[in-house]
Amino acid sequence: MSSRNQTLVPEAKGALNKFKNEVAEEIGLHNYDEIDKGELPSRANGYVGGLMVRKMVESYEKKFSK
């Protein structure tokens, strides 16, 4: 069984991690990359991922709606 959390473009992994940390910082989770994610509520971790997706979709829509 393979993991669902695989980066499709390995070269993008660094940029995605940077983006994840920026989003976490925006919602008040400082030093997100150093936090033990098992100690955070699943709601907080899910919010970071959900907000990342929302921002990526908004960016895509802006880019192609012109």
PDB file of N, CA and C in Angstrom:
ATOM      1  N   MET A   1       0.852  -1.187   0.000  1.00  0.00           N
ATOM      2  CA  MET A   1       0.000   0.000   0.000  1.00  0.00           C
ATOM      3  C   MET A   1       0.889   1.240   0.000  1.00  0.00           C
ATOM      4  N   SER A   2       0.660   2.155  -0.914  1.00  0.00           N
ATOM      5  CA  SER A   2       1.476   3.356  -1.007  1.00  0.00           C
ATOM      6  C   SER A   2       0.845   4.494  -0.222  1.00  0.00           C
ATOM      7  N   SER A   3       1.696   5.433   0.160  1.00  0.00           N
ATOM      8  CA  SER A   3       1.236   6.601   0.905  1.00  0.00           C
ATOM      9  C   SER A   3       0.499   7.556  -0.030  1.00  0.00           C
ATOM     10  N   ARG A   4      -0.534   8.183   0.460  1.00  0.00           N
ATOM     11  CA  ARG A   4      -1.271   9.175  -0.333  1.00  0.00           C
ATOM     12  C   ARG A   4      -0.563  10.516  -0.322  1.00  0.00           C
ATOM     13  N   ASN A   5       0.370  10.708   0.591  1.00  0.00           N
ATOM     14  CA  ASN A   5       1.040  11.997   0.738  1.00  0.00           C
ATOM     15  C   ASN A   5       2.356  12.048  -0.018  1.00  0.00           C
ATOM     16  N   GLN A   6       2.331  11.646  -1.273  1.00  0.00           N
ATOM     17  CA  GLN A   6       3.533  11.696  -2.085  1.00  0.00           C
ATOM     18  C   GLN A   6       3.516  12.967  -2.926  1.00  0.00           C
ATOM     19  N   THR A   7       4.666  13.613  -3.018  1.00  0.00           N
ATOM     20  CA  THR A   7       4.789  14.786  -3.853  1.00  0.00           C
ATOM     21  C   THR A   7       4.950  14.320  -5.291  1.00  0.00           C
ATOM     22  N   LEU A   8       4.050  14.738  -6.153  1.00  0.00           N
ATOM     23  CA  LEU A   8       4.091  14.304  -7.548  1.00  0.00           C
ATOM     24  C   LEU A   8       5.303  14.854  -8.281  1.00  0.00           C
ATOM     25  N   VAL A   9       5.725  16.054  -7.921  1.00  0.00           N
ATOM     26  CA  VAL A   9       6.914  16.660  -8.521  1.00  0.00           C
ATOM     27  C   VAL A   9       7.919  16.862  -7.387  1.00  0.00           C
ATOM     28  N   PRO A  10       8.881  15.935  -7.246  1.00  0.00           N
ATOM     29  CA  PRO A  10       9.812  16.021  -6.118  1.00  0.00           C
ATOM     30  C   PRO A  10      10.544  17.360  -6.021  1.00  0.00           C
ATOM     31  N   GLU A  11      10.771  18.008  -7.142  1.00  0.00           N
ATOM     32  CA  GLU A  11      11.463  19.302  -7.130  1.00  0.00           C
ATOM     33  C   GLU A  11      10.638  20.382  -6.433  1.00  0.00           C
ATOM     34  N   ALA A  12       9.340  20.170  -6.298  1.00  0.00           N
ATOM     35  CA  ALA A  12       8.450  21.157  -5.681  1.00  0.00           C
ATOM     36  C   ALA A  12       8.351  21.001  -4.164  1.00  0.00           C
ATOM     37  N   LYS A  13       8.936  19.958  -3.623  1.00  0.00           N
ATOM     38  CA  LYS A  13       8.793  19.668  -2.199  1.00  0.00           C
ATOM     39  C   LYS A  13       9.240  20.828  -1.305  1.00  0.00           C
ATOM     40  N   GLY A  14      10.370  21.434  -1.629  1.00  0.00           N
ATOM     41  CA  GLY A  14      10.871  22.559  -0.839  1.00  0.00           C
ATOM     42  C   GLY A  14       9.926  23.744  -0.855  1.00  0.00           C
ATOM     43  N   ALA A  15       9.395  24.054  -2.039  1.00  0.00           N
ATOM     44  CA  ALA A  15       8.461  25.177  -2.161  1.00  0.00           C
ATOM     45  C   ALA A  15       7.167  24.897  -1.407  1.00  0.00           C
ATOM     46  N   LEU A  16       6.696  23.649  -1.453  1.00  0.00           N
ATOM     47  CA  LEU A  16       5.474  23.295  -0.722  1.00  0.00           C
ATOM     48  C   LEU A  16       5.687  23.395   0.783  1.00  0.00           C
ATOM     49  N   ASN A  17       6.837  22.964   1.264  1.00  0.00           N
ATOM     50  CA  ASN A  17       7.127  23.079   2.703  1.00  0.00           C
ATOM     51  C   ASN A  17       7.207  24.536   3.131  1.00  0.00           C
ATOM     52  N   LYS A  18       7.830  25.377   2.287  1.00  0.00           N
ATOM     53  CA  LYS A  18       7.908  26.808   2.606  1.00  0.00           C
ATOM     54  C   LYS A  18       6.501  27.405   2.650  1.00  0.00           C
ATOM     55  N   PHE A  19       5.677  27.054   1.663  1.00  0.00           N
ATOM     56  CA  PHE A  19       4.300  27.545   1.599  1.00  0.00           C
ATOM     57  C   PHE A  19       3.511  27.093   2.830  1.00  0.00           C
ATOM     58  N   LYS A  20       3.692  25.836   3.220  1.00  0.00           N
ATOM     59  CA  LYS A  20       2.995  25.295   4.393  1.00  0.00           C
ATOM     60  C   LYS A  20       3.373  26.084   5.644  1.00  0.00           C
ATOM     61  N   ASN A  21       4.657  26.396   5.796  1.00  0.00           N
ATOM     62  CA  ASN A  21       5.099  27.154   6.965  1.00  0.00           C
ATOM     63  C   ASN A  21       4.564  28.583   6.946  1.00  0.00           C
ATOM     64  N   GLU A  22       4.477  29.194   5.762  1.00  0.00           N
ATOM     65  CA  GLU A  22       3.920  30.540   5.652  1.00  0.00           C
ATOM     66  C   GLU A  22       2.439  30.552   6.041  1.00  0.00           C
ATOM     67  N   VAL A  23       1.698  29.559   5.572  1.00  0.00           N
ATOM     68  CA  VAL A  23       0.274  29.471   5.903  1.00  0.00           C
ATOM     69  C   VAL A  23       0.100  29.246   7.405  1.00  0.00           C
ATOM     70  N   ALA A  24       0.890  28.358   7.973  1.00  0.00           N
ATOM     71  CA  ALA A  24       0.808  28.085   9.409  1.00  0.00           C
ATOM     72  C   ALA A  24       1.119  29.346  10.217  1.00  0.00           C
ATOM     73  N   GLU A  25       2.101  30.104   9.759  1.00  0.00           N
ATOM     74  CA  GLU A  25       2.466  31.351  10.436  1.00  0.00           C
ATOM     75  C   GLU A  25       1.289  32.335  10.394  1.00  0.00           C
ATOM     76  N   GLU A  26       0.601  32.393   9.259  1.00  0.00           N
ATOM     77  CA  GLU A  26      -0.553  33.292   9.116  1.00  0.00           C
ATOM     78  C   GLU A  26      -1.640  32.997  10.138  1.00  0.00           C
ATOM     79  N   ILE A  27      -1.811  31.736  10.498  1.00  0.00           N
ATOM     80  CA  ILE A  27      -2.881  31.388  11.445  1.00  0.00           C
ATOM     81  C   ILE A  27      -2.356  31.261  12.877  1.00  0.00           C
ATOM     82  N   GLY A  28      -1.100  31.657  13.095  1.00  0.00           N
ATOM     83  CA  GLY A  28      -0.575  31.713  14.451  1.00  0.00           C
ATOM     84  C   GLY A  28       0.169  30.484  14.922  1.00  0.00           C
ATOM     85  N   LEU A  29       0.481  29.559  14.016  1.00  0.00           N
ATOM     86  CA  LEU A  29       1.267  28.379  14.396  1.00  0.00           C
ATOM     87  C   LEU A  29       2.725  28.654  14.032  1.00  0.00           C
ATOM     88  N   HIS A  30       3.449  29.238  14.963  1.00  0.00           N
ATOM     89  CA  HIS A  30       4.828  29.623  14.734  1.00  0.00           C
ATOM     90  C   HIS A  30       5.742  28.399  14.806  1.00  0.00           C
ATOM     91  N   ASN A  31       6.798  28.393  14.000  1.00  0.00           N
ATOM     92  CA  ASN A  31       7.754  27.275  13.927  1.00  0.00           C
ATOM     93  C   ASN A  31       7.047  25.955  13.627  1.00  0.00           C
ATOM     94  N   TYR A  32       6.132  25.978  12.682  1.00  0.00           N
ATOM     95  CA  TYR A  32       5.320  24.800  12.347  1.00  0.00           C
ATOM     96  C   TYR A  32       6.179  23.609  11.942  1.00  0.00           C
ATOM     97  N   ASP A  33       7.288  23.876  11.262  1.00  0.00           N
ATOM     98  CA  ASP A  33       8.136  22.773  10.811  1.00  0.00           C
ATOM     99  C   ASP A  33       8.823  22.066  11.973  1.00  0.00           C
ATOM    100  N   GLU A  34       8.923  22.727  13.113  1.00  0.00           N
ATOM    101  CA  GLU A  34       9.587  22.138  14.285  1.00  0.00           C
ATOM    102  C   GLU A  34       8.599  21.530  15.286  1.00  0.00           C
ATOM    103  N   ILE A  35       7.315  21.792  15.118  1.00  0.00           N
ATOM    104  CA  ILE A  35       6.289  21.304  16.042  1.00  0.00           C
ATOM    105  C   ILE A  35       6.021  19.826  15.780  1.00  0.00           C
ATOM    106  N   ASP A  36       5.862  19.056  16.842  1.00  0.00           N
ATOM    107  CA  ASP A  36       5.444  17.657  16.718  1.00  0.00           C
ATOM    108  C   ASP A  36       3.970  17.664  16.328  1.00  0.00           C
ATOM    109  N   LYS A  37       3.695  17.295  15.084  1.00  0.00           N
ATOM    110  CA  LYS A  37       2.316  17.374  14.564  1.00  0.00           C
ATOM    111  C   LYS A  37       1.359  16.464  15.332  1.00  0.00           C
ATOM    112  N   GLY A  38       1.883  15.440  15.986  1.00  0.00           N
ATOM    113  CA  GLY A  38       1.054  14.568  16.804  1.00  0.00           C
ATOM    114  C   GLY A  38       0.548  15.249  18.063  1.00  0.00           C
ATOM    115  N   GLU A  39       1.207  16.322  18.441  1.00  0.00           N
ATOM    116  CA  GLU A  39       0.796  17.080  19.631  1.00  0.00           C
ATOM    117  C   GLU A  39      -0.258  18.138  19.301  1.00  0.00           C
ATOM    118  N   LEU A  40      -0.432  18.445  18.016  1.00  0.00           N
ATOM    119  CA  LEU A  40      -1.430  19.437  17.612  1.00  0.00           C
ATOM    120  C   LEU A  40      -2.778  18.755  17.396  1.00  0.00           C
ATOM    121  N   PRO A  41      -3.855  19.470  17.622  1.00  0.00           N
ATOM    122  CA  PRO A  41      -5.166  18.900  17.302  1.00  0.00           C
ATOM    123  C   PRO A  41      -5.269  18.680  15.788  1.00  0.00           C
ATOM    124  N   SER A  42      -5.973  17.644  15.389  1.00  0.00           N
ATOM    125  CA  SER A  42      -6.114  17.364  13.957  1.00  0.00           C
ATOM    126  C   SER A  42      -6.779  18.528  13.248  1.00  0.00           C
ATOM    127  N   ARG A  43      -7.615  19.256  13.954  1.00  0.00           N
ATOM    128  CA  ARG A  43      -8.273  20.427  13.365  1.00  0.00           C
ATOM    129  C   ARG A  43      -7.243  21.466  12.918  1.00  0.00           C
ATOM    130  N   ALA A  44      -6.193  21.690  13.723  1.00  0.00           N
ATOM    131  CA  ALA A  44      -5.158  22.674  13.374  1.00  0.00           C
ATOM    132  C   ALA A  44      -4.371  22.211  12.154  1.00  0.00           C
ATOM    133  N   ASN A  45      -3.968  20.945  12.145  1.00  0.00           N
ATOM    134  CA  ASN A  45      -3.233  20.415  10.997  1.00  0.00           C
ATOM    135  C   ASN A  45      -4.096  20.440   9.739  1.00  0.00           C
ATOM    136  N   GLY A  46      -5.350  20.084   9.871  1.00  0.00           N
ATOM    137  CA  GLY A  46      -6.258  20.097   8.737  1.00  0.00           C
ATOM    138  C   GLY A  46      -6.511  21.497   8.216  1.00  0.00           C
ATOM    139  N   TYR A  47      -6.531  22.461   9.117  1.00  0.00           N
ATOM    140  CA  TYR A  47      -6.760  23.842   8.715  1.00  0.00           C
ATOM    141  C   TYR A  47      -5.602  24.351   7.867  1.00  0.00           C
ATOM    142  N   VAL A  48      -4.381  23.986   8.243  1.00  0.00           N
ATOM    143  CA  VAL A  48      -3.207  24.392   7.462  1.00  0.00           C
ATOM    144  C   VAL A  48      -3.317  23.827   6.042  1.00  0.00           C
ATOM    145  N   GLY A  49      -3.588  22.539   5.925  1.00  0.00           N
ATOM    146  CA  GLY A  49      -3.714  21.918   4.610  1.00  0.00           C
ATOM    147  C   GLY A  49      -4.865  22.479   3.808  1.00  0.00           C
ATOM    148  N   GLY A  50      -5.993  22.694   4.455  1.00  0.00           N
ATOM    149  CA  GLY A  50      -7.157  23.233   3.772  1.00  0.00           C
ATOM    150  C   GLY A  50      -6.935  24.649   3.268  1.00  0.00           C
ATOM    151  N   LEU A  51      -6.271  25.448   4.082  1.00  0.00           N
ATOM    152  CA  LEU A  51      -5.980  26.823   3.688  1.00  0.00           C
ATOM    153  C   LEU A  51      -4.971  26.847   2.538  1.00  0.00           C
ATOM    154  N   MET A  52      -4.026  25.918   2.553  1.00  0.00           N
ATOM    155  CA  MET A  52      -3.075  25.814   1.439  1.00  0.00           C
ATOM    156  C   MET A  52      -3.815  25.534   0.134  1.00  0.00           C
ATOM    157  N   VAL A  53      -4.719  24.578   0.170  1.00  0.00           N
ATOM    158  CA  VAL A  53      -5.474  24.215  -1.028  1.00  0.00           C
ATOM    159  C   VAL A  53      -6.321  25.400  -1.491  1.00  0.00           C
ATOM    160  N   ARG A  54      -6.989  26.068  -0.561  1.00  0.00           N
ATOM    161  CA  ARG A  54      -7.825  27.215  -0.917  1.00  0.00           C
ATOM    162  C   ARG A  54      -6.998  28.292  -1.608  1.00  0.00           C
ATOM    163  N   LYS A  55      -5.803  28.589  -1.068  1.00  0.00           N
ATOM    164  CA  LYS A  55      -4.946  29.606  -1.665  1.00  0.00           C
ATOM    165  C   LYS A  55      -4.444  29.174  -3.046  1.00  0.00           C
ATOM    166  N   MET A  56      -4.127  27.897  -3.215  1.00  0.00           N
ATOM    167  CA  MET A  56      -3.664  27.416  -4.519  1.00  0.00           C
ATOM    168  C   MET A  56      -4.783  27.506  -5.556  1.00  0.00           C
ATOM    169  N   VAL A  57      -6.005  27.149  -5.169  1.00  0.00           N
ATOM    170  CA  VAL A  57      -7.140  27.225  -6.092  1.00  0.00           C
ATOM    171  C   VAL A  57      -7.412  28.677  -6.460  1.00  0.00           C
ATOM    172  N   GLU A  58      -7.405  29.579  -5.485  1.00  0.00           N
ATOM    173  CA  GLU A  58      -7.628  30.997  -5.764  1.00  0.00           C
ATOM    174  C   GLU A  58      -6.576  31.536  -6.725  1.00  0.00           C
ATOM    175  N   SER A  59      -5.324  31.149  -6.520  1.00  0.00           N
ATOM    176  CA  SER A  59      -4.249  31.582  -7.390  1.00  0.00           C
ATOM    177  C   SER A  59      -4.453  31.070  -8.809  1.00  0.00           C
ATOM    178  N   TYR A  60      -4.839  29.835  -8.930  1.00  0.00           N
ATOM    179  CA  TYR A  60      -5.092  29.224 -10.237  1.00  0.00           C
ATOM    180  C   TYR A  60      -6.248  29.935 -10.940  1.00  0.00           C
ATOM    181  N   GLU A  61      -7.323  30.184 -10.206  1.00  0.00           N
ATOM    182  CA  GLU A  61      -8.488  30.848 -10.792  1.00  0.00           C
ATOM    183  C   GLU A  61      -8.159  32.257 -11.260  1.00  0.00           C
ATOM    184  N   LYS A  62      -7.372  32.996 -10.461  1.00  0.00           N
ATOM    185  CA  LYS A  62      -6.957  34.345 -10.855  1.00  0.00           C
ATOM    186  C   LYS A  62      -6.124  34.299 -12.129  1.00  0.00           C
ATOM    187  N   LYS A  63      -5.223  33.352 -12.188  1.00  0.00           N
ATOM    188  CA  LYS A  63      -4.308  33.249 -13.318  1.00  0.00           C
ATOM    189  C   LYS A  63      -5.053  32.963 -14.618  1.00  0.00           C
ATOM    190  N   PHE A  64      -6.075  32.127 -14.566  1.00  0.00           N
ATOM    191  CA  PHE A  64      -6.749  31.705 -15.779  1.00  0.00           C
ATOM    192  C   PHE A  64      -8.087  32.405 -16.025  1.00  0.00           C
ATOM    193  N   SER A  65      -8.458  33.340 -15.185  1.00  0.00           N
ATOM    194  CA  SER A  65      -9.725  34.044 -15.397  1.00  0.00           C
ATOM    195  C   SER A  65      -9.518  35.343 -16.179  1.00  0.00           C
ATOM    196  N   LYS A  66      -8.297  35.643 -16.498  1.00  0.00           N
ATOM    197  CA  LYS A  66      -8.008  36.900 -17.220  1.00  0.00           C
ATOM    198  C   LYS A  66      -8.340  36.783 -18.677  1.00  0.00           C
TER     199      LYS A  66
END
